[in-house]
Protein backbone atom coordinates (compact mmCIF):
# COMPACT_ATOMS: atom_id res chain seq x y z
CA MET A 1 -22.54 -32.97 -116.60
CA GLU A 2 -22.09 -34.02 -112.97
CA PHE A 3 -19.76 -31.87 -110.90
CA GLU A 4 -16.39 -33.26 -109.90
CA ALA A 5 -13.91 -31.39 -107.74
CA MET A 6 -10.70 -30.56 -109.58
CA SER A 7 -7.85 -32.96 -108.97
CA CYS A 8 -4.50 -31.58 -107.84
CA ASP A 9 -3.04 -32.16 -111.31
CA GLU A 10 -5.99 -30.45 -113.00
CA LEU A 11 -5.79 -27.45 -110.67
CA SER A 12 -2.03 -27.20 -111.13
CA ALA A 13 -2.39 -27.14 -114.91
CA TYR A 14 -5.20 -24.60 -114.68
CA LEU A 15 -3.25 -22.19 -112.48
CA ARG A 16 -0.24 -22.36 -114.79
CA SER A 17 -2.56 -21.42 -117.67
CA VAL A 18 -3.66 -18.14 -116.04
CA PRO A 19 -0.95 -15.55 -116.84
CA CYS A 20 -1.46 -13.28 -113.81
CA VAL A 21 -1.49 -16.24 -111.40
CA TYR A 22 1.44 -17.95 -113.12
CA ALA A 23 3.51 -14.77 -112.74
CA LEU A 24 2.39 -14.30 -109.13
CA LEU A 25 3.57 -17.84 -108.30
CA ASN A 26 6.95 -17.06 -109.87
CA GLU A 27 6.28 -19.14 -113.02
CA PRO A 28 6.54 -22.54 -111.34
CA GLY A 29 7.39 -25.78 -113.11
CA GLU A 30 5.60 -27.64 -110.34
CA LEU A 31 2.94 -26.69 -107.83
CA ASP A 32 2.18 -28.17 -104.43
CA ILE A 33 -1.60 -28.41 -104.02
CA ALA A 34 -3.42 -29.18 -100.76
CA GLU A 35 -7.21 -29.28 -100.23
CA VAL A 36 -7.92 -27.48 -96.94
CA GLY A 37 -11.66 -26.71 -96.99
CA ASP A 38 -13.68 -27.14 -93.81
CA GLY A 39 -16.33 -29.06 -95.72
CA ASN A 40 -19.22 -26.63 -95.12
CA LEU A 41 -19.79 -25.01 -98.51
CA ASN A 42 -16.89 -25.06 -100.95
CA PHE A 43 -13.67 -26.72 -101.98
CA VAL A 44 -10.61 -24.71 -100.86
CA TYR A 45 -7.02 -25.34 -101.87
CA PHE A 46 -3.59 -23.96 -101.05
CA ALA A 47 -1.38 -23.78 -104.13
CA SER A 48 2.31 -22.94 -103.80
CA ASN A 49 5.46 -23.01 -105.91
CA ALA A 50 7.21 -26.30 -105.10
CA LYS A 51 10.62 -24.60 -105.13
CA THR A 52 9.65 -21.30 -103.49
CA PRO A 53 6.76 -22.12 -101.10
CA GLU A 54 6.36 -18.50 -100.05
CA LYS A 55 4.86 -17.91 -103.50
CA SER A 56 1.38 -19.16 -102.72
CA VAL A 57 -2.33 -18.51 -103.31
CA VAL A 58 -5.71 -19.78 -102.15
CA VAL A 59 -8.12 -21.29 -104.66
CA LYS A 60 -11.81 -21.60 -103.85
CA GLN A 61 -14.34 -23.45 -106.01
CA ALA A 62 -18.10 -23.70 -105.52
CA PRO A 63 -19.82 -27.06 -106.08
CA PRO A 64 -23.52 -27.06 -107.07
CA PHE A 65 -24.58 -28.20 -103.59
CA LEU A 66 -24.09 -27.49 -99.90
CA ARG A 67 -20.96 -29.47 -99.20
CA LEU A 68 -21.79 -29.91 -95.51
CA VAL A 69 -24.92 -31.88 -96.46
CA GLY A 70 -24.12 -33.19 -99.94
CA LYS A 71 -25.93 -33.38 -103.25
CA SER A 72 -29.30 -33.65 -101.52
CA TRP A 73 -29.06 -29.89 -100.83
CA PRO A 74 -28.46 -28.25 -104.24
CA LEU A 75 -27.16 -24.68 -104.52
CA THR A 76 -26.41 -22.43 -107.44
CA ARG A 77 -22.72 -22.05 -108.17
CA HIS A 78 -23.29 -18.37 -108.89
CA ARG A 79 -22.74 -17.78 -105.18
CA MET A 80 -19.03 -17.63 -106.03
CA GLU A 81 -19.64 -14.60 -108.25
CA ARG A 82 -21.41 -12.87 -105.37
CA GLU A 83 -18.55 -13.65 -103.03
CA VAL A 84 -16.02 -12.24 -105.49
CA ALA A 85 -18.10 -9.08 -105.87
CA ALA A 86 -18.36 -8.70 -102.08
CA LEU A 87 -14.64 -9.21 -101.56
CA ARG A 88 -13.86 -6.57 -104.16
CA ARG A 89 -16.39 -4.14 -102.70
CA PHE A 90 -15.24 -4.63 -99.12
CA GLY A 91 -11.62 -4.57 -100.27
CA ALA A 92 -12.17 -1.16 -101.87
CA LEU A 93 -13.67 0.16 -98.63
CA CYS A 94 -11.25 -1.44 -96.18
CA PRO A 95 -8.25 -2.87 -98.07
CA GLN A 96 -6.16 -3.41 -94.95
CA HIS A 97 -8.65 -5.98 -93.64
CA VAL A 98 -9.82 -7.84 -96.78
CA PRO A 99 -7.75 -10.33 -98.83
CA ARG A 100 -7.11 -9.49 -102.47
CA VAL A 101 -8.78 -11.37 -105.32
CA TYR A 102 -6.25 -12.09 -108.07
CA HIS A 103 -8.44 -13.98 -110.54
CA ALA A 104 -12.07 -15.09 -110.90
CA ASP A 105 -13.45 -17.61 -113.37
CA SER A 106 -17.22 -17.44 -113.87
CA GLU A 107 -17.26 -20.61 -115.99
CA ARG A 108 -15.56 -22.82 -113.41
CA PHE A 109 -16.99 -20.82 -110.51
CA LEU A 110 -13.66 -20.44 -108.78
CA MET A 111 -11.42 -17.65 -107.61
CA VAL A 112 -7.75 -17.24 -106.78
CA MET A 113 -6.98 -14.98 -103.87
CA GLN A 114 -4.33 -13.83 -101.44
CA ARG A 115 -3.05 -16.52 -99.11
CA LEU A 116 -2.67 -15.32 -95.53
CA SER A 117 0.13 -17.72 -94.71
CA SER A 118 1.28 -15.91 -91.56
CA HIS A 119 -2.26 -15.71 -90.15
CA ARG A 120 -4.58 -18.18 -88.48
CA ILE A 121 -8.31 -18.54 -87.97
CA LEU A 122 -9.37 -16.35 -85.05
CA ARG A 123 -11.46 -19.09 -83.46
CA GLN A 124 -8.39 -21.31 -83.14
CA GLY A 125 -6.44 -18.54 -81.46
CA LEU A 126 -9.25 -17.77 -79.04
CA MET A 127 -9.53 -21.42 -78.06
CA GLU A 128 -5.81 -21.43 -77.28
CA GLY A 129 -6.00 -18.22 -75.26
CA VAL A 130 -3.96 -16.05 -77.64
CA VAL A 131 -4.21 -12.28 -77.12
CA TYR A 132 -4.44 -10.20 -80.30
CA PRO A 133 -3.75 -6.61 -79.25
CA LYS A 134 -5.09 -4.99 -82.43
CA LEU A 135 -8.14 -7.18 -82.97
CA ALA A 136 -10.81 -4.83 -81.59
CA ALA A 137 -9.44 -1.78 -83.40
CA HIS A 138 -9.28 -3.67 -86.68
CA LEU A 139 -12.74 -5.25 -86.50
CA SER A 140 -14.41 -2.02 -85.40
CA THR A 141 -12.81 -0.25 -88.37
CA TYR A 142 -13.91 -2.99 -90.76
CA LEU A 143 -17.48 -2.89 -89.45
CA ALA A 144 -17.73 0.91 -89.48
CA HIS A 145 -16.45 1.30 -93.03
CA THR A 146 -18.27 -1.60 -94.68
CA LEU A 147 -21.60 -0.93 -92.97
CA PHE A 148 -21.60 2.85 -93.42
CA PHE A 149 -20.44 3.11 -97.02
CA GLY A 150 -22.96 0.53 -98.23
CA SER A 151 -25.93 2.30 -96.67
CA ASP A 152 -28.35 5.09 -97.55
CA LEU A 153 -26.43 7.28 -95.13
CA TYR A 154 -23.73 7.45 -97.79
CA LEU A 155 -25.05 6.18 -101.14
CA ALA A 156 -27.44 8.10 -103.35
CA PRO A 157 -30.92 6.48 -103.36
CA ASP A 158 -30.73 5.22 -106.95
CA VAL A 159 -27.21 3.87 -106.49
CA LYS A 160 -28.25 2.06 -103.31
CA LYS A 161 -31.29 0.46 -104.94
CA GLN A 162 -29.22 -0.74 -107.88
CA ALA A 163 -26.66 -2.17 -105.46
CA VAL A 164 -29.40 -4.00 -103.55
CA SER A 165 -30.74 -5.62 -106.71
CA ALA A 166 -27.24 -6.68 -107.80
CA ALA A 167 -26.50 -8.32 -104.44
CA ILE A 168 -29.58 -10.53 -104.11
CA ASN A 169 -28.40 -13.83 -102.61
CA SER A 170 -31.67 -15.65 -102.11
CA GLU A 171 -30.36 -19.21 -101.73
CA LEU A 172 -27.82 -18.46 -99.03
CA CYS A 173 -30.21 -16.07 -97.30
CA LYS A 174 -32.72 -18.92 -97.19
CA ILE A 175 -30.11 -21.06 -95.43
CA THR A 176 -29.72 -18.36 -92.79
CA GLU A 177 -33.47 -17.87 -92.47
CA ASP A 178 -33.90 -21.58 -91.84
CA LEU A 179 -30.83 -22.48 -89.80
CA VAL A 180 -30.64 -19.34 -87.64
CA PHE A 181 -34.22 -18.13 -87.24
CA THR A 182 -36.47 -21.14 -87.78
CA TYR A 183 -35.17 -24.67 -87.24
CA PRO A 184 -33.60 -24.14 -83.78
CA PHE A 185 -37.00 -23.09 -82.43
CA GLU A 186 -38.90 -26.16 -83.56
CA ASP A 187 -38.43 -29.92 -83.46
CA HIS A 188 -36.52 -30.06 -86.74
CA PRO A 189 -34.40 -33.06 -87.82
CA SER A 190 -31.42 -30.83 -88.65
CA ASN A 191 -31.05 -29.81 -85.00
CA ALA A 192 -28.35 -31.59 -83.01
CA TYR A 193 -27.80 -31.68 -79.27
CA SER A 194 -24.91 -32.77 -77.09
CA ALA A 195 -25.50 -35.95 -75.06
CA ALA A 196 -25.97 -34.28 -71.67
CA PHE A 197 -27.93 -31.27 -72.85
CA PRO A 198 -31.19 -31.09 -70.87
CA ARG A 199 -34.32 -31.71 -72.91
CA ALA A 200 -36.19 -29.21 -70.74
CA GLU A 201 -34.01 -26.39 -72.07
CA ILE A 202 -34.84 -27.30 -75.65
CA GLU A 203 -38.55 -27.46 -74.97
CA ARG A 204 -38.39 -24.14 -73.12
CA LEU A 205 -37.01 -22.53 -76.28
CA TRP A 206 -39.92 -23.84 -78.30
CA ALA A 207 -42.57 -22.89 -75.75
CA SER A 208 -41.54 -19.35 -74.71
CA PRO A 209 -43.91 -16.81 -76.34
CA ALA A 210 -41.64 -13.86 -75.50
CA LEU A 211 -38.63 -15.57 -77.07
CA ARG A 212 -40.51 -16.74 -80.15
CA VAL A 213 -41.90 -13.24 -80.72
CA ALA A 214 -38.41 -11.76 -80.42
CA VAL A 215 -36.96 -14.29 -82.86
CA GLY A 216 -39.82 -13.61 -85.26
CA GLU A 217 -39.01 -9.90 -85.15
CA MET A 218 -35.34 -10.57 -85.88
CA LYS A 219 -36.19 -12.89 -88.77
CA TRP A 220 -38.54 -10.24 -90.21
CA SER A 221 -35.76 -7.67 -89.98
CA PHE A 222 -33.27 -10.03 -91.62
CA MET A 223 -35.64 -10.65 -94.51
CA ASN A 224 -36.81 -7.07 -95.05
CA ASP A 225 -34.33 -4.47 -93.78
CA ALA A 226 -31.94 -3.93 -96.70
CA GLU A 227 -29.83 -1.38 -94.84
CA THR A 228 -26.34 -2.11 -96.17
CA LEU A 229 -24.13 -4.72 -97.81
CA LEU A 230 -23.36 -7.32 -95.15
CA HIS A 231 -20.70 -9.96 -94.90
CA GLY A 232 -23.55 -12.22 -93.81
CA ASP A 233 -21.58 -14.82 -91.84
CA LEU A 234 -19.10 -12.86 -89.72
CA HIS A 235 -18.14 -15.44 -87.10
CA THR A 236 -14.66 -16.04 -85.66
CA GLY A 237 -14.05 -18.73 -88.28
CA SER A 238 -14.33 -16.04 -90.98
CA ILE A 239 -11.59 -13.87 -89.50
CA MET A 240 -7.86 -14.47 -89.89
CA VAL A 241 -5.38 -12.81 -87.57
CA ASN A 242 -1.85 -12.44 -86.33
CA GLN A 243 -0.39 -9.99 -83.83
CA ASP A 244 -0.40 -7.14 -86.32
CA GLU A 245 -3.09 -7.81 -88.92
CA THR A 246 -6.74 -8.84 -89.17
CA TYR A 247 -8.48 -10.03 -92.34
CA VAL A 248 -12.16 -10.85 -92.89
CA ILE A 249 -12.70 -13.72 -95.33
CA ASP A 250 -15.51 -15.80 -96.86
CA PRO A 251 -18.33 -13.30 -97.56
CA GLU A 252 -20.27 -15.84 -99.64
CA PHE A 253 -23.44 -15.01 -97.66
CA ALA A 254 -23.12 -11.30 -98.56
CA PHE A 255 -26.40 -9.49 -99.23
CA TYR A 256 -28.15 -6.23 -98.36
CA GLY A 257 -29.58 -6.68 -94.89
CA PRO A 258 -29.78 -5.16 -91.39
CA MET A 259 -26.53 -3.71 -90.07
CA GLY A 260 -26.93 -5.37 -86.70
CA PHE A 261 -26.60 -8.84 -88.21
CA ASP A 262 -22.85 -8.56 -88.82
CA ILE A 263 -22.25 -6.82 -85.50
CA GLY A 264 -24.36 -9.36 -83.64
CA ALA A 265 -22.47 -12.26 -85.20
CA VAL A 266 -19.17 -10.93 -83.86
CA LEU A 267 -20.60 -10.33 -80.38
CA ALA A 268 -22.23 -13.77 -80.32
CA ASN A 269 -19.00 -15.56 -81.12
CA LEU A 270 -17.06 -13.65 -78.48
CA LEU A 271 -19.70 -14.53 -75.90
CA LEU A 272 -19.59 -18.20 -76.90
CA ALA A 273 -15.82 -18.11 -76.52
CA TYR A 274 -16.27 -16.52 -73.09
CA PHE A 275 -18.74 -19.10 -71.80
CA SER A 276 -16.63 -22.01 -73.10
CA ARG A 277 -13.53 -20.67 -71.38
CA ASP A 278 -14.08 -22.82 -68.26
CA TRP A 279 -13.11 -25.96 -70.10
CA HIS A 280 -10.36 -24.44 -72.21
CA ASP A 281 -8.69 -23.00 -69.11
CA ARG A 282 -8.88 -26.34 -67.35
CA HIS A 283 -7.65 -28.19 -70.43
CA ALA A 284 -4.65 -25.84 -70.62
CA ARG A 285 -4.18 -26.25 -66.85
CA VAL A 286 -4.31 -22.53 -66.16
CA ASN A 287 -6.22 -20.70 -63.46
CA ALA A 288 -9.92 -20.68 -64.37
CA LYS A 289 -10.02 -17.03 -63.29
CA ALA A 290 -7.17 -16.10 -65.63
CA PRO A 291 -7.47 -12.68 -67.29
CA TYR A 292 -8.20 -14.13 -70.72
CA ARG A 293 -11.90 -14.25 -69.93
CA ASP A 294 -11.77 -10.56 -69.13
CA TRP A 295 -9.90 -9.95 -72.37
CA LEU A 296 -12.66 -11.65 -74.37
CA LEU A 297 -15.31 -9.44 -72.82
CA ASP A 298 -13.10 -6.40 -73.32
CA GLN A 299 -13.02 -7.19 -77.05
CA ALA A 300 -16.81 -7.12 -77.19
CA THR A 301 -16.82 -3.75 -75.43
CA LEU A 302 -14.08 -2.26 -77.59
CA ILE A 303 -15.49 -3.57 -80.86
CA TRP A 304 -18.94 -2.10 -80.24
CA SER A 305 -17.67 1.21 -78.84
CA GLY A 306 -14.98 1.53 -81.51
CA PHE A 307 -17.47 0.74 -84.24
CA ALA A 308 -20.04 3.19 -82.90
CA ASP A 309 -17.49 6.01 -82.59
CA GLN A 310 -16.11 5.49 -86.09
CA PHE A 311 -19.52 4.97 -87.69
CA VAL A 312 -20.89 8.19 -86.23
CA ALA A 313 -17.70 10.06 -87.17
CA LEU A 314 -18.03 8.88 -90.79
CA TRP A 315 -21.68 9.93 -90.74
CA ARG A 316 -20.94 13.40 -89.35
CA GLU A 317 -18.12 13.95 -91.81
CA HIS A 318 -20.28 12.94 -94.76
CA GLU A 319 -23.23 15.03 -93.60
CA SER A 320 -20.98 18.06 -93.24
CA ARG A 321 -20.19 17.79 -96.95
CA ARG A 322 -23.73 17.65 -98.25
CA LYS A 323 -27.24 18.68 -97.44
CA SER A 324 -28.79 16.11 -95.12
CA ARG A 325 -31.21 13.73 -96.83
CA PHE A 326 -33.09 13.20 -93.58
CA ILE A 327 -32.96 16.50 -91.70
CA GLY A 328 -33.01 19.90 -93.40
CA ASP A 329 -30.25 22.50 -93.08
CA ASP A 330 -32.33 24.57 -90.69
CA HIS A 331 -32.55 21.69 -88.26
CA ARG A 332 -28.91 20.70 -88.03
CA GLY A 333 -27.11 20.58 -84.74
CA ALA A 334 -29.10 19.26 -81.84
CA CYS A 335 -31.80 17.63 -83.98
CA ALA A 336 -29.26 15.83 -86.17
CA GLU A 337 -27.43 14.57 -83.11
CA ALA A 338 -30.69 13.40 -81.55
CA PHE A 339 -31.45 11.40 -84.69
CA ARG A 340 -27.97 9.84 -84.68
CA THR A 341 -28.33 8.90 -81.02
CA HIS A 342 -31.69 7.24 -81.67
CA PHE A 343 -30.32 5.44 -84.74
CA MET A 344 -27.38 4.01 -82.80
CA GLN A 345 -29.61 2.90 -79.92
CA ARG A 346 -31.84 1.06 -82.37
CA LEU A 347 -28.80 -0.48 -84.05
CA PHE A 348 -27.40 -1.62 -80.70
CA ALA A 349 -30.69 -3.33 -79.79
CA ALA A 350 -30.82 -5.04 -83.18
CA SER A 351 -27.23 -6.23 -82.77
CA LEU A 352 -28.10 -7.82 -79.43
CA GLY A 353 -31.15 -9.54 -80.92
CA PHE A 354 -29.12 -11.00 -83.77
CA ALA A 355 -26.38 -12.03 -81.34
CA GLY A 356 -28.95 -13.97 -79.35
CA CYS A 357 -30.22 -15.76 -82.45
CA LYS A 358 -26.71 -16.67 -83.56
CA MET A 359 -25.81 -18.04 -80.14
CA ILE A 360 -28.90 -20.23 -79.97
CA ARG A 361 -28.31 -21.54 -83.47
CA ARG A 362 -24.77 -22.62 -82.55
CA ILE A 363 -26.00 -24.52 -79.49
CA VAL A 364 -29.04 -26.38 -80.80
CA GLY A 365 -28.84 -26.11 -84.58
CA MET A 366 -26.67 -27.36 -87.41
CA ALA A 367 -23.01 -26.26 -87.84
CA LYS A 368 -21.81 -25.69 -84.30
CA VAL A 369 -18.64 -23.99 -83.05
CA ALA A 370 -15.48 -25.78 -81.98
CA ASP A 371 -15.24 -23.55 -78.88
CA VAL A 372 -18.10 -25.64 -77.48
CA THR A 373 -17.95 -28.95 -79.35
CA SER A 374 -14.31 -29.47 -78.33
CA ILE A 375 -15.35 -29.70 -74.67
CA ALA A 376 -14.78 -33.38 -73.87
CA ASP A 377 -16.59 -33.38 -70.52
CA GLU A 378 -20.24 -33.77 -71.53
CA ALA A 379 -21.64 -32.42 -68.25
CA LEU A 380 -19.43 -29.33 -68.42
CA ARG A 381 -20.32 -28.82 -72.06
CA ALA A 382 -24.01 -28.93 -71.18
CA THR A 383 -23.47 -26.37 -68.44
CA VAL A 384 -21.66 -24.09 -70.89
CA GLU A 385 -24.45 -24.53 -73.44
CA VAL A 386 -27.20 -23.74 -70.95
CA ARG A 387 -25.40 -20.62 -69.78
CA ALA A 388 -24.98 -19.48 -73.38
CA LEU A 389 -28.66 -20.13 -74.08
CA ARG A 390 -29.77 -18.17 -71.01
CA CYS A 391 -27.60 -15.24 -72.07
CA ALA A 392 -28.89 -15.43 -75.64
CA GLU A 393 -32.50 -15.47 -74.49
CA ARG A 394 -32.05 -12.36 -72.38
CA LEU A 395 -30.24 -10.54 -75.19
CA LEU A 396 -33.20 -11.26 -77.44
CA VAL A 397 -36.08 -10.57 -75.08
CA GLU A 398 -34.50 -7.63 -73.24
CA ARG A 399 -32.65 -6.06 -76.18
CA HIS A 400 -34.59 -2.78 -76.06
CA ALA A 401 -34.09 -2.44 -72.30
CA ILE A 402 -30.34 -3.08 -72.27
CA ALA A 403 -28.81 0.39 -72.15
CA GLY A 404 -25.28 -0.26 -73.35
CA ILE A 405 -22.46 -2.70 -73.93
CA ASP A 406 -21.41 -2.51 -70.29
CA ASP A 407 -24.76 -4.01 -69.35
CA VAL A 408 -24.17 -6.88 -71.79
CA ILE A 409 -20.83 -7.59 -70.13
CA ALA A 410 -22.43 -7.46 -66.67
CA LEU A 411 -25.11 -9.89 -67.88
CA ALA A 412 -22.51 -12.34 -69.19
CA ARG A 413 -20.59 -12.19 -65.92
CA GLU A 414 -23.77 -12.69 -63.89
CA ILE A 415 -24.76 -15.77 -65.89
CA GLN A 416 -21.24 -17.19 -65.84
CA ALA A 417 -21.13 -16.87 -62.05
CA THR A 418 -24.45 -18.68 -61.63
CA HIS A 419 -24.48 -22.46 -61.63
CA TYR A 420 -27.29 -23.79 -63.81
CA ALA A 421 -27.98 -27.46 -63.28
CA SER A 422 -27.42 -29.44 -66.45
CA THR A 423 -29.89 -32.17 -65.58
């Protein structure tokens, strides 16, 4: 039977038939239903009690295809089950930053979850120059807890291997492998470029051996390093915020992969927001040297440093409670700390490499970011895109030589201050 999205009347009747949801919505006689999906993967609805609108939920349903492309790109609907499992797992580890799942239906491939009605998508807030004072603390906590507690640093080996097998997400991983690590670096029909973007920059991406080797290494890591359960698509459109709370949503790409992929995605999106700030400041008619640019870079610094501090603290605390799996009791102390230092340096380099790949994908590949595409001045947009590409390339190629997050910030400032011709 061919898939058809549920009509508002059908969804309303369905929600009233689910006892836990019906009670949560205050047993409504009538529901207001609005389809609000962004059109990339799934159908998303807001459902609220017509008489008491504050009683509201989000409903998400998976069609058997990639909605962004259409029926020509089929996908299994079982991705919804994986997303539900990831939300419940992440919610158990970090409940203050993950929305609750109220109901999941494996026959209709839909779920009903907490509506964050007083929150907004982080990307929208960043484009408008809104400061979120708790953002860095919240995201660093989310990253530290989800990445540590899904890894071999915490889980027993047999438990970890069972978890890896249960979280295989081959179809959506293939989308990432193609759209992030492959298509942007070749003349692929899915790539899209802004009108003024210089062709020479595109061809340079394809022809740079150092860059292509670096991207190949990151793709290999993505495909083979099952380090922990990842969100898998942690961009600023998958984060909802207000002044006091931060929630991470939409982990439909969740799988066991390299830790740096989630961290790199966050850093990449903050850097894209930083480079696009020229136009957004001008559009808002504020001083182009306003402190918001500094705030964006501060978030990158605080998120990495806060994550690293909390991750290592969780590691030390856990190791103090058990015999180390990696270093024997007689070699604790300085040797254990040396191993942790090396591990975090390697993780930092990987995060930079993945950040570079994610930035390049958003400039030349499919599914771009509104931070950049909203720039109406084509010449300025091209300048922003070239700057972002130059930064991404250096993050990739020089990732092992970059000593710390302060050097990343200095690199971004250096590139931002340099005028690259867009023709």
